[in-house]
């Protein structure tokens, strides 16, 4: 790990105390439009100091919740190296009984983390379906994130949500494979809470959930600093409500695709606040914290 001098706000100085362990994966080698997500972990850390430790709506002081910032993986050149090191790091976090929080980087980092869990369902929040089997000759592209995750958890245990950009080829594969997803238009129609209930019903393993959040799942009006922005997205309040709905069953979380070079600061701030929201909600509600 490459330890960075600036840690996420309110983190402790010893991993032995940690309930949550945060780390960054500064990787964007397969990004297909606007690169820059490799700079996100430190931008999100910096933004985390904008917020009070006291979260009044949760009646919780985050300075009393043991979060350890393990720094970043060393910047890796190849997808294979990144996948290997990400798997190793998540495994180490789970082995000490902590809850992993991963900051990307691009979405290609998420399947590696997901692969280290057993008997889980995955909520995949994204503007894009990411169900290509390969993209530009790479099977581990960020455009293949949900497809690769499904390789580990099974097609019946992943539900992408928030899509508004899907290729014709992906739709054909969805029909063949039986993937269930809930697009942004449906979520706006029925509301995020009903949509989450539907997503959980679609899954076989819905008692233990891994949440992977591509920031472009949120509308670019709220999160402009991302590599592949798509209009008509979810709102930050949608994400807050989603986290509240599943916090009691969350076992891991990642946030990816923030691209600071295209940001005005708001996207990194939103990302940092979402991380804090996950910590607060999981700490309050999740009886499975640290269980492998």
C-alpha atoms as a PDB file:
ATOM      1  CA  UNK A   1       0.000   0.000   0.000  1.00  0.00           C
ATOM      2  CA  UNK A   2       1.072   3.547  -0.681  1.00  0.00           C
ATOM      3  CA  UNK A   3       0.220   5.475   2.492  1.00  0.00           C
ATOM      4  CA  UNK A   4      -0.938   9.007   1.815  1.00  0.00           C
ATOM      5  CA  UNK A   5      -0.301  11.707   4.400  1.00  0.00           C
ATOM      6  CA  UNK A   6      -3.886  12.958   4.219  1.00  0.00           C
ATOM      7  CA  UNK A   7      -6.261  10.300   5.548  1.00  0.00           C
ATOM      8  CA  UNK A   8     -10.035  10.313   5.310  1.00  0.00           C
ATOM      9  CA  UNK A   9     -11.519  12.566   7.992  1.00  0.00           C
ATOM     10  CA  UNK A  10     -11.966  11.050  11.471  1.00  0.00           C
ATOM     11  CA  UNK A  11      -9.882   7.963  10.708  1.00  0.00           C
ATOM     12  CA  UNK A  12      -7.933   6.326  13.534  1.00  0.00           C
ATOM     13  CA  UNK A  13      -4.213   5.620  13.664  1.00  0.00           C
ATOM     14  CA  UNK A  14      -4.385   1.852  14.178  1.00  0.00           C
ATOM     15  CA  UNK A  15      -5.892  -0.817  11.969  1.00  0.00           C
ATOM     16  CA  UNK A  16      -6.313  -3.029  15.033  1.00  0.00           C
ATOM     17  CA  UNK A  17      -9.080  -0.694  16.243  1.00  0.00           C
ATOM     18  CA  UNK A  18     -10.878  -0.558  12.925  1.00  0.00           C
ATOM     19  CA  UNK A  19     -14.474  -1.505  12.254  1.00  0.00           C
ATOM     20  CA  UNK A  20     -14.225   0.026   8.783  1.00  0.00           C
ATOM     21  CA  UNK A  21     -11.092   0.022   6.599  1.00  0.00           C
ATOM     22  CA  UNK A  22     -10.925   2.421   3.669  1.00  0.00           C
ATOM     23  CA  UNK A  23      -8.413   2.221   0.822  1.00  0.00           C
ATOM     24  CA  UNK A  24      -7.980   3.715  -2.631  1.00  0.00           C
ATOM     25  CA  UNK A  25      -7.300   2.178  -6.034  1.00  0.00           C
ATOM     26  CA  UNK A  26      -5.917   4.980  -8.246  1.00  0.00           C
ATOM     27  CA  UNK A  27      -6.502   3.220 -11.571  1.00  0.00           C
ATOM     28  CA  UNK A  28      -8.128   4.461 -14.794  1.00  0.00           C
ATOM     29  CA  UNK A  29      -6.288   2.632 -17.574  1.00  0.00           C
ATOM     30  CA  UNK A  30      -9.407   1.304 -19.325  1.00  0.00           C
ATOM     31  CA  UNK A  31     -11.451   4.516 -19.091  1.00  0.00           C
ATOM     32  CA  UNK A  32     -13.023   5.041 -22.482  1.00  0.00           C
ATOM     33  CA  UNK A  33     -14.009   8.729 -22.519  1.00  0.00           C
ATOM     34  CA  UNK A  34     -12.579  11.072 -19.884  1.00  0.00           C
ATOM     35  CA  UNK A  35      -9.726   9.763 -17.767  1.00  0.00           C
ATOM     36  CA  UNK A  36      -8.802  11.154 -14.366  1.00  0.00           C
ATOM     37  CA  UNK A  37     -10.497   8.828 -11.874  1.00  0.00           C
ATOM     38  CA  UNK A  38      -7.076   7.709 -10.628  1.00  0.00           C
ATOM     39  CA  UNK A  39      -6.922  11.068  -8.834  1.00  0.00           C
ATOM     40  CA  UNK A  40     -10.225  10.497  -7.039  1.00  0.00           C
ATOM     41  CA  UNK A  41      -9.176   8.776  -3.792  1.00  0.00           C
ATOM     42  CA  UNK A  42      -7.136  11.717  -2.572  1.00  0.00           C
ATOM     43  CA  UNK A  43      -9.637  14.293  -3.846  1.00  0.00           C
ATOM     44  CA  UNK A  44     -12.392  12.528  -1.897  1.00  0.00           C
ATOM     45  CA  UNK A  45     -10.193  12.381   1.213  1.00  0.00           C
ATOM     46  CA  UNK A  46      -9.529  16.103   0.946  1.00  0.00           C
ATOM     47  CA  UNK A  47     -13.249  16.832   0.579  1.00  0.00           C
ATOM     48  CA  UNK A  48     -14.100  14.692   3.613  1.00  0.00           C
ATOM     49  CA  UNK A  49     -12.786  17.439   5.929  1.00  0.00           C
ATOM     50  CA  UNK A  50     -15.577  19.744   4.761  1.00  0.00           C
ATOM     51  CA  UNK A  51     -18.134  17.925   6.940  1.00  0.00           C
ATOM     52  CA  UNK A  52     -18.882  17.802  10.632  1.00  0.00           C
ATOM     53  CA  UNK A  53     -18.035  14.582  12.448  1.00  0.00           C
ATOM     54  CA  UNK A  54     -21.403  14.928  14.222  1.00  0.00           C
ATOM     55  CA  UNK A  55     -24.158  13.655  11.910  1.00  0.00           C
ATOM     56  CA  UNK A  56     -27.221  15.199  13.463  1.00  0.00           C
ATOM     57  CA  UNK A  57     -29.805  13.217  11.498  1.00  0.00           C
ATOM     58  CA  UNK A  58     -28.217  10.006  12.767  1.00  0.00           C
ATOM     59  CA  UNK A  59     -27.353  11.313  16.254  1.00  0.00           C
ATOM     60  CA  UNK A  60     -23.894   9.856  15.693  1.00  0.00           C
ATOM     61  CA  UNK A  61     -20.368  11.220  16.122  1.00  0.00           C
ATOM     62  CA  UNK A  62     -18.222   9.655  13.413  1.00  0.00           C
ATOM     63  CA  UNK A  63     -15.066  10.453  15.363  1.00  0.00           C
ATOM     64  CA  UNK A  64     -16.206   7.709  17.745  1.00  0.00           C
ATOM     65  CA  UNK A  65     -16.611   5.133  14.947  1.00  0.00           C
ATOM     66  CA  UNK A  66     -13.351   3.335  14.221  1.00  0.00           C
ATOM     67  CA  UNK A  67     -12.428   3.975  10.581  1.00  0.00           C
ATOM     68  CA  UNK A  68      -8.880   3.230   9.427  1.00  0.00           C
ATOM     69  CA  UNK A  69      -7.521   4.670   6.178  1.00  0.00           C
ATOM     70  CA  UNK A  70      -5.034   2.179   4.732  1.00  0.00           C
ATOM     71  CA  UNK A  71      -3.905   4.520   1.955  1.00  0.00           C
ATOM     72  CA  UNK A  72      -3.809   3.634  -1.733  1.00  0.00           C
ATOM     73  CA  UNK A  73      -2.555   0.731  -3.737  1.00  0.00           C
ATOM     74  CA  UNK A  74       0.572   1.695  -5.582  1.00  0.00           C
ATOM     75  CA  UNK A  75      -0.364   3.002  -9.018  1.00  0.00           C
ATOM     76  CA  UNK A  76      -0.407  -0.111 -11.181  1.00  0.00           C
ATOM     77  CA  UNK A  77       0.139  -0.250 -14.913  1.00  0.00           C
ATOM     78  CA  UNK A  78      -1.872  -3.284 -15.961  1.00  0.00           C
ATOM     79  CA  UNK A  79      -5.413  -4.426 -15.288  1.00  0.00           C
ATOM     80  CA  UNK A  80      -4.097  -7.789 -14.113  1.00  0.00           C
ATOM     81  CA  UNK A  81      -1.843  -6.212 -11.484  1.00  0.00           C
ATOM     82  CA  UNK A  82      -4.677  -4.003 -10.267  1.00  0.00           C
ATOM     83  CA  UNK A  83      -7.091  -6.931  -9.967  1.00  0.00           C
ATOM     84  CA  UNK A  84      -4.548  -9.036  -8.080  1.00  0.00           C
ATOM     85  CA  UNK A  85      -3.639  -6.314  -5.580  1.00  0.00           C
ATOM     86  CA  UNK A  86      -7.261  -5.294  -5.036  1.00  0.00           C
ATOM     87  CA  UNK A  87      -8.258  -8.888  -4.281  1.00  0.00           C
ATOM     88  CA  UNK A  88      -5.352  -9.242  -1.863  1.00  0.00           C
ATOM     89  CA  UNK A  89      -6.213  -6.029  -0.013  1.00  0.00           C
ATOM     90  CA  UNK A  90      -9.918  -6.818   0.363  1.00  0.00           C
ATOM     91  CA  UNK A  91      -9.064 -10.323   1.560  1.00  0.00           C
ATOM     92  CA  UNK A  92      -6.768  -8.872   4.239  1.00  0.00           C
ATOM     93  CA  UNK A  93      -9.494  -6.492   5.414  1.00  0.00           C
ATOM     94  CA  UNK A  94     -12.066  -9.277   5.651  1.00  0.00           C
ATOM     95  CA  UNK A  95      -9.593 -11.513   7.446  1.00  0.00           C
ATOM     96  CA  UNK A  96      -9.307  -9.013  10.305  1.00  0.00           C
ATOM     97  CA  UNK A  97     -13.089  -8.795  10.536  1.00  0.00           C
ATOM     98  CA  UNK A  98     -13.458  -5.244   9.191  1.00  0.00           C
ATOM     99  CA  UNK A  99     -15.861  -3.713   6.672  1.00  0.00           C
ATOM    100  CA  UNK A 100     -14.068  -2.695   3.432  1.00  0.00           C
ATOM    101  CA  UNK A 101     -14.683   0.672   1.782  1.00  0.00           C
ATOM    102  CA  UNK A 102     -12.907   1.060  -1.555  1.00  0.00           C
ATOM    103  CA  UNK A 103     -12.431   4.323  -3.449  1.00  0.00           C
ATOM    104  CA  UNK A 104     -11.764   4.043  -7.175  1.00  0.00           C
ATOM    105  CA  UNK A 105     -10.525   4.621  -9.724  1.00  0.00           C
ATOM    106  CA  UNK A 106     -12.682   3.364 -12.495  1.00  0.00           C
ATOM    107  CA  UNK A 107     -15.365   0.691 -12.232  1.00  0.00           C
ATOM    108  CA  UNK A 108     -13.087  -2.126 -13.377  1.00  0.00           C
ATOM    109  CA  UNK A 109     -11.781  -2.304  -9.789  1.00  0.00           C
ATOM    110  CA  UNK A 110     -15.114  -3.437  -8.313  1.00  0.00           C
ATOM    111  CA  UNK A 111     -15.353  -7.070  -9.513  1.00  0.00           C
ATOM    112  CA  UNK A 112     -12.000  -7.814  -7.865  1.00  0.00           C
ATOM    113  CA  UNK A 113     -13.364  -6.670  -4.503  1.00  0.00           C
ATOM    114  CA  UNK A 114     -16.661  -8.486  -5.009  1.00  0.00           C
ATOM    115  CA  UNK A 115     -14.829 -11.741  -5.760  1.00  0.00           C
ATOM    116  CA  UNK A 116     -13.579 -11.953  -2.169  1.00  0.00           C
ATOM    117  CA  UNK A 117     -17.058 -12.350  -0.656  1.00  0.00           C
ATOM    118  CA  UNK A 118     -19.186 -15.472  -0.412  1.00  0.00           C
ATOM    119  CA  UNK A 119     -22.964 -15.767  -0.695  1.00  0.00           C
ATOM    120  CA  UNK A 120     -23.704 -12.133  -1.443  1.00  0.00           C
ATOM    121  CA  UNK A 121     -25.967 -10.112  -3.649  1.00  0.00           C
ATOM    122  CA  UNK A 122     -24.686  -7.028  -5.467  1.00  0.00           C
ATOM    123  CA  UNK A 123     -26.449  -3.728  -6.050  1.00  0.00           C
ATOM    124  CA  UNK A 124     -24.656  -2.034  -8.942  1.00  0.00           C
ATOM    125  CA  UNK A 125     -25.560   1.673  -9.245  1.00  0.00           C
ATOM    126  CA  UNK A 126     -24.530   3.076 -12.608  1.00  0.00           C
ATOM    127  CA  UNK A 127     -25.615   5.195 -15.564  1.00  0.00           C
ATOM    128  CA  UNK A 128     -24.485   2.335 -17.796  1.00  0.00           C
ATOM    129  CA  UNK A 129     -25.301  -1.360 -17.737  1.00  0.00           C
ATOM    130  CA  UNK A 130     -21.603  -2.355 -17.955  1.00  0.00           C
ATOM    131  CA  UNK A 131     -22.641  -5.810 -19.188  1.00  0.00           C
ATOM    132  CA  UNK A 132     -20.331  -6.114 -22.180  1.00  0.00           C
ATOM    133  CA  UNK A 133     -18.296  -9.313 -22.236  1.00  0.00           C
ATOM    134  CA  UNK A 134     -15.365  -7.256 -23.494  1.00  0.00           C
ATOM    135  CA  UNK A 135     -14.728  -3.701 -24.616  1.00  0.00           C
ATOM    136  CA  UNK A 136     -11.945  -2.600 -26.932  1.00  0.00           C
ATOM    137  CA  UNK A 137     -10.395  -6.049 -26.555  1.00  0.00           C
ATOM    138  CA  UNK A 138     -10.389  -6.000 -22.737  1.00  0.00           C
ATOM    139  CA  UNK A 139     -12.636  -8.339 -20.730  1.00  0.00           C
ATOM    140  CA  UNK A 140     -11.857  -6.410 -17.534  1.00  0.00           C
ATOM    141  CA  UNK A 141     -12.734  -2.968 -18.873  1.00  0.00           C
ATOM    142  CA  UNK A 142     -14.779  -0.573 -16.786  1.00  0.00           C
ATOM    143  CA  UNK A 143     -17.503  -1.165 -19.409  1.00  0.00           C
ATOM    144  CA  UNK A 144     -17.653  -4.828 -18.282  1.00  0.00           C
ATOM    145  CA  UNK A 145     -17.968  -4.297 -14.529  1.00  0.00           C
ATOM    146  CA  UNK A 146     -21.396  -5.849 -13.922  1.00  0.00           C
ATOM    147  CA  UNK A 147     -20.628  -8.726 -16.323  1.00  0.00           C
ATOM    148  CA  UNK A 148     -17.409  -9.607 -14.496  1.00  0.00           C
ATOM    149  CA  UNK A 149     -19.093  -9.246 -11.112  1.00  0.00           C
ATOM    150  CA  UNK A 150     -21.785 -11.660 -12.265  1.00  0.00           C
ATOM    151  CA  UNK A 151     -19.041 -14.178 -13.043  1.00  0.00           C
ATOM    152  CA  UNK A 152     -18.338 -14.306  -9.299  1.00  0.00           C
ATOM    153  CA  UNK A 153     -21.780 -13.989  -7.702  1.00  0.00           C
ATOM    154  CA  UNK A 154     -24.003 -15.427 -10.435  1.00  0.00           C
ATOM    155  CA  UNK A 155     -26.438 -13.683 -12.728  1.00  0.00           C
ATOM    156  CA  UNK A 156     -29.269 -14.054 -10.196  1.00  0.00           C
ATOM    157  CA  UNK A 157     -27.318 -12.203  -7.515  1.00  0.00           C
ATOM    158  CA  UNK A 158     -26.582  -8.863  -9.166  1.00  0.00           C
ATOM    159  CA  UNK A 159     -29.052  -6.109  -9.996  1.00  0.00           C
ATOM    160  CA  UNK A 160     -27.834  -3.013 -11.847  1.00  0.00           C
ATOM    161  CA  UNK A 161     -29.854   0.126 -11.049  1.00  0.00           C
ATOM    162  CA  UNK A 162     -30.013   3.646 -12.452  1.00  0.00           C
ATOM    163  CA  UNK A 163     -29.128   2.895 -16.082  1.00  0.00           C
ATOM    164  CA  UNK A 164     -29.973   5.229 -18.920  1.00  0.00           C
ATOM    165  CA  UNK A 165     -27.336   4.102 -21.432  1.00  0.00           C
ATOM    166  CA  UNK A 166     -27.392   0.511 -22.691  1.00  0.00           C
ATOM    167  CA  UNK A 167     -26.061  -0.849 -25.964  1.00  0.00           C
ATOM    168  CA  UNK A 168     -28.176  -3.004 -28.270  1.00  0.00           C
ATOM    169  CA  UNK A 169     -25.710  -5.863 -27.822  1.00  0.00           C
ATOM    170  CA  UNK A 170     -26.042  -5.669 -24.041  1.00  0.00           C
ATOM    171  CA  UNK A 171     -29.827  -5.893 -24.268  1.00  0.00           C
ATOM    172  CA  UNK A 172     -29.480  -9.038 -26.364  1.00  0.00           C
ATOM    173  CA  UNK A 173     -27.092 -10.541 -23.784  1.00  0.00           C
ATOM    174  CA  UNK A 174     -29.421  -9.574 -20.944  1.00  0.00           C
ATOM    175  CA  UNK A 175     -32.222 -11.566 -22.563  1.00  0.00           C
ATOM    176  CA  UNK A 176     -29.960 -14.574 -23.079  1.00  0.00           C
ATOM    177  CA  UNK A 177     -28.459 -14.526 -19.576  1.00  0.00           C
ATOM    178  CA  UNK A 178     -31.551 -13.493 -17.638  1.00  0.00           C
ATOM    179  CA  UNK A 179     -30.083 -10.401 -15.951  1.00  0.00           C
ATOM    180  CA  UNK A 180     -32.633  -8.254 -14.127  1.00  0.00           C
ATOM    181  CA  UNK A 181     -32.024  -4.499 -13.950  1.00  0.00           C
ATOM    182  CA  UNK A 182     -33.976  -1.380 -13.004  1.00  0.00           C
ATOM    183  CA  UNK A 183     -33.313   1.666 -15.154  1.00  0.00           C
ATOM    184  CA  UNK A 184     -33.399   5.288 -14.035  1.00  0.00           C
ATOM    185  CA  UNK A 185     -36.690   5.988 -15.799  1.00  0.00           C
ATOM    186  CA  UNK A 186     -38.414   3.215 -13.853  1.00  0.00           C
ATOM    187  CA  UNK A 187     -36.876   4.452 -10.598  1.00  0.00           C
ATOM    188  CA  UNK A 188     -38.164   7.969 -11.232  1.00  0.00           C
ATOM    189  CA  UNK A 189     -41.605   6.477 -11.888  1.00  0.00           C
ATOM    190  CA  UNK A 190     -41.912   4.195  -8.840  1.00  0.00           C
ATOM    191  CA  UNK A 191     -39.443   5.757  -6.397  1.00  0.00           C
ATOM    192  CA  UNK A 192     -36.102   4.496  -5.155  1.00  0.00           C
ATOM    193  CA  UNK A 193     -37.434   2.656  -2.101  1.00  0.00           C
ATOM    194  CA  UNK A 194     -39.855   0.502  -4.082  1.00  0.00           C
ATOM    195  CA  UNK A 195     -37.109  -0.045  -6.682  1.00  0.00           C
ATOM    196  CA  UNK A 196     -34.706  -1.317  -4.005  1.00  0.00           C
ATOM    197  CA  UNK A 197     -37.379  -3.667  -2.679  1.00  0.00           C
ATOM    198  CA  UNK A 198     -37.804  -5.051  -6.198  1.00  0.00           C
ATOM    199  CA  UNK A 199     -34.050  -5.429  -6.650  1.00  0.00           C
ATOM    200  CA  UNK A 200     -33.740  -7.423  -3.434  1.00  0.00           C
ATOM    201  CA  UNK A 201     -36.593  -9.702  -4.517  1.00  0.00           C
ATOM    202  CA  UNK A 202     -34.765 -10.395  -7.782  1.00  0.00           C
ATOM    203  CA  UNK A 203     -31.732 -11.753  -5.889  1.00  0.00           C
ATOM    204  CA  UNK A 204     -31.272 -15.264  -4.515  1.00  0.00           C
ATOM    205  CA  UNK A 205     -28.703 -14.069  -1.960  1.00  0.00           C
ATOM    206  CA  UNK A 206     -30.260 -10.909  -0.564  1.00  0.00           C
ATOM    207  CA  UNK A 207     -29.354 -11.120   3.118  1.00  0.00           C
ATOM    208  CA  UNK A 208     -25.784  -9.919   2.581  1.00  0.00           C
ATOM    209  CA  UNK A 209     -25.354  -7.102   0.067  1.00  0.00           C
ATOM    210  CA  UNK A 210     -22.312  -5.489  -1.530  1.00  0.00           C
ATOM    211  CA  UNK A 211     -23.011  -1.989  -2.852  1.00  0.00           C
ATOM    212  CA  UNK A 212     -20.952  -0.678  -5.759  1.00  0.00           C
ATOM    213  CA  UNK A 213     -21.707   2.935  -6.661  1.00  0.00           C
ATOM    214  CA  UNK A 214     -20.518   4.483  -9.888  1.00  0.00           C
ATOM    215  CA  UNK A 215     -20.876   8.221  -9.283  1.00  0.00           C
ATOM    216  CA  UNK A 216     -22.264   8.615 -12.824  1.00  0.00           C
ATOM    217  CA  UNK A 217     -25.369   6.811 -11.577  1.00  0.00           C
ATOM    218  CA  UNK A 218     -26.165  10.184 -10.025  1.00  0.00           C
ATOM    219  CA  UNK A 219     -27.299  12.893 -12.430  1.00  0.00           C
ATOM    220  CA  UNK A 220     -24.401  15.080 -13.677  1.00  0.00           C
ATOM    221  CA  UNK A 221     -26.264  18.133 -12.384  1.00  0.00           C
ATOM    222  CA  UNK A 222     -25.168  16.894  -8.942  1.00  0.00           C
ATOM    223  CA  UNK A 223     -22.009  15.002  -9.938  1.00  0.00           C
ATOM    224  CA  UNK A 224     -20.413  16.586 -13.025  1.00  0.00           C
ATOM    225  CA  UNK A 225     -16.904  15.314 -12.266  1.00  0.00           C
ATOM    226  CA  UNK A 226     -17.073  11.875 -13.823  1.00  0.00           C
ATOM    227  CA  UNK A 227     -15.664  10.127 -16.855  1.00  0.00           C
ATOM    228  CA  UNK A 228     -18.889   9.295 -18.715  1.00  0.00           C
ATOM    229  CA  UNK A 229     -21.711  11.644 -17.643  1.00  0.00           C
ATOM    230  CA  UNK A 230     -25.301  10.782 -18.638  1.00  0.00           C
ATOM    231  CA  UNK A 231     -28.356  13.028 -18.062  1.00  0.00           C
ATOM    232  CA  UNK A 232     -31.595  11.878 -16.377  1.00  0.00           C
ATOM    233  CA  UNK A 233     -29.872  10.241 -13.428  1.00  0.00           C
ATOM    234  CA  UNK A 234     -30.592   9.563  -9.789  1.00  0.00           C
ATOM    235  CA  UNK A 235     -30.422  12.227  -7.088  1.00  0.00           C
ATOM    236  CA  UNK A 236     -28.213  12.304  -3.982  1.00  0.00           C
ATOM    237  CA  UNK A 237     -31.363  11.818  -1.898  1.00  0.00           C
ATOM    238  CA  UNK A 238     -32.103   8.657  -3.896  1.00  0.00           C
ATOM    239  CA  UNK A 239     -28.708   7.308  -2.857  1.00  0.00           C
ATOM    240  CA  UNK A 240     -29.239   8.324   0.761  1.00  0.00           C
ATOM    241  CA  UNK A 241     -32.572   6.486   0.821  1.00  0.00           C
ATOM    242  CA  UNK A 242     -31.060   3.445  -0.911  1.00  0.00           C
ATOM    243  CA  UNK A 243     -28.294   3.210   1.696  1.00  0.00           C
ATOM    244  CA  UNK A 244     -30.862   3.447   4.496  1.00  0.00           C
ATOM    245  CA  UNK A 245     -32.885   0.611   2.923  1.00  0.00           C
ATOM    246  CA  UNK A 246     -29.969  -1.838   2.730  1.00  0.00           C
ATOM    247  CA  UNK A 247     -27.628  -0.724   5.524  1.00  0.00           C
ATOM    248  CA  UNK A 248     -28.646  -3.563   7.820  1.00  0.00           C
ATOM    249  CA  UNK A 249     -27.377  -6.094   5.266  1.00  0.00           C
ATOM    250  CA  UNK A 250     -24.344  -4.334   3.764  1.00  0.00           C
ATOM    251  CA  UNK A 251     -21.021  -6.195   3.950  1.00  0.00           C
ATOM    252  CA  UNK A 252     -18.892  -4.031   1.645  1.00  0.00           C
ATOM    253  CA  UNK A 253     -18.984  -0.815  -0.373  1.00  0.00           C
ATOM    254  CA  UNK A 254     -17.111   0.917  -3.147  1.00  0.00           C
ATOM    255  CA  UNK A 255     -17.453   4.282  -4.837  1.00  0.00           C
ATOM    256  CA  UNK A 256     -15.912   4.710  -8.275  1.00  0.00           C
ATOM    257  CA  UNK A 257     -15.564   6.924 -11.369  1.00  0.00           C
ATOM    258  CA  UNK A 258     -15.158  10.336  -9.734  1.00  0.00           C
ATOM    259  CA  UNK A 259     -12.887  12.290 -12.102  1.00  0.00           C
ATOM    260  CA  UNK A 260     -11.409  15.354 -10.358  1.00  0.00           C
ATOM    261  CA  UNK A 261     -10.027  16.982 -13.564  1.00  0.00           C
ATOM    262  CA  UNK A 262     -13.635  17.456 -14.714  1.00  0.00           C
ATOM    263  CA  UNK A 263     -14.994  18.438 -11.312  1.00  0.00           C
ATOM    264  CA  UNK A 264     -15.773  21.778  -9.706  1.00  0.00           C
ATOM    265  CA  UNK A 265     -15.274  20.202  -6.303  1.00  0.00           C
ATOM    266  CA  UNK A 266     -18.905  19.228  -5.822  1.00  0.00           C
ATOM    267  CA  UNK A 267     -18.524  15.640  -7.022  1.00  0.00           C
ATOM    268  CA  UNK A 268     -15.690  14.814  -4.634  1.00  0.00           C
ATOM    269  CA  UNK A 269     -17.644  16.454  -1.817  1.00  0.00           C
ATOM    270  CA  UNK A 270     -20.726  14.392  -2.640  1.00  0.00           C
ATOM    271  CA  UNK A 271     -18.600  11.229  -2.792  1.00  0.00           C
ATOM    272  CA  UNK A 272     -17.063  11.951   0.610  1.00  0.00           C
ATOM    273  CA  UNK A 273     -20.484  12.615   2.115  1.00  0.00           C
ATOM    274  CA  UNK A 274     -21.830   9.352   0.687  1.00  0.00           C
ATOM    275  CA  UNK A 275     -18.928   7.463   2.291  1.00  0.00           C
ATOM    276  CA  UNK A 276     -19.819   9.061   5.621  1.00  0.00           C
ATOM    277  CA  UNK A 277     -23.458   8.131   5.089  1.00  0.00           C
ATOM    278  CA  UNK A 278     -22.530   4.487   4.521  1.00  0.00           C
ATOM    279  CA  UNK A 279     -20.377   4.426   7.660  1.00  0.00           C
ATOM    280  CA  UNK A 280     -23.114   6.003   9.784  1.00  0.00           C
ATOM    281  CA  UNK A 281     -25.952   3.843   8.502  1.00  0.00           C
ATOM    282  CA  UNK A 282     -24.005   0.576   8.591  1.00  0.00           C
ATOM    283  CA  UNK A 283     -22.664   1.288  12.073  1.00  0.00           C
ATOM    284  CA  UNK A 284     -26.173   1.924  13.351  1.00  0.00           C
ATOM    285  CA  UNK A 285     -27.982  -0.921  11.609  1.00  0.00           C
ATOM    286  CA  UNK A 286     -25.699  -3.680  10.340  1.00  0.00           C
ATOM    287  CA  UNK A 287     -25.320  -6.646  12.659  1.00  0.00           C
ATOM    288  CA  UNK A 288     -22.966  -8.286  10.131  1.00  0.00           C
ATOM    289  CA  UNK A 289     -20.143  -5.739  10.319  1.00  0.00           C
ATOM    290  CA  UNK A 290     -16.888  -7.615  10.005  1.00  0.00           C
ATOM    291  CA  UNK A 291     -18.455 -11.001   9.332  1.00  0.00           C
ATOM    292  CA  UNK A 292     -16.963 -12.766   6.313  1.00  0.00           C
END
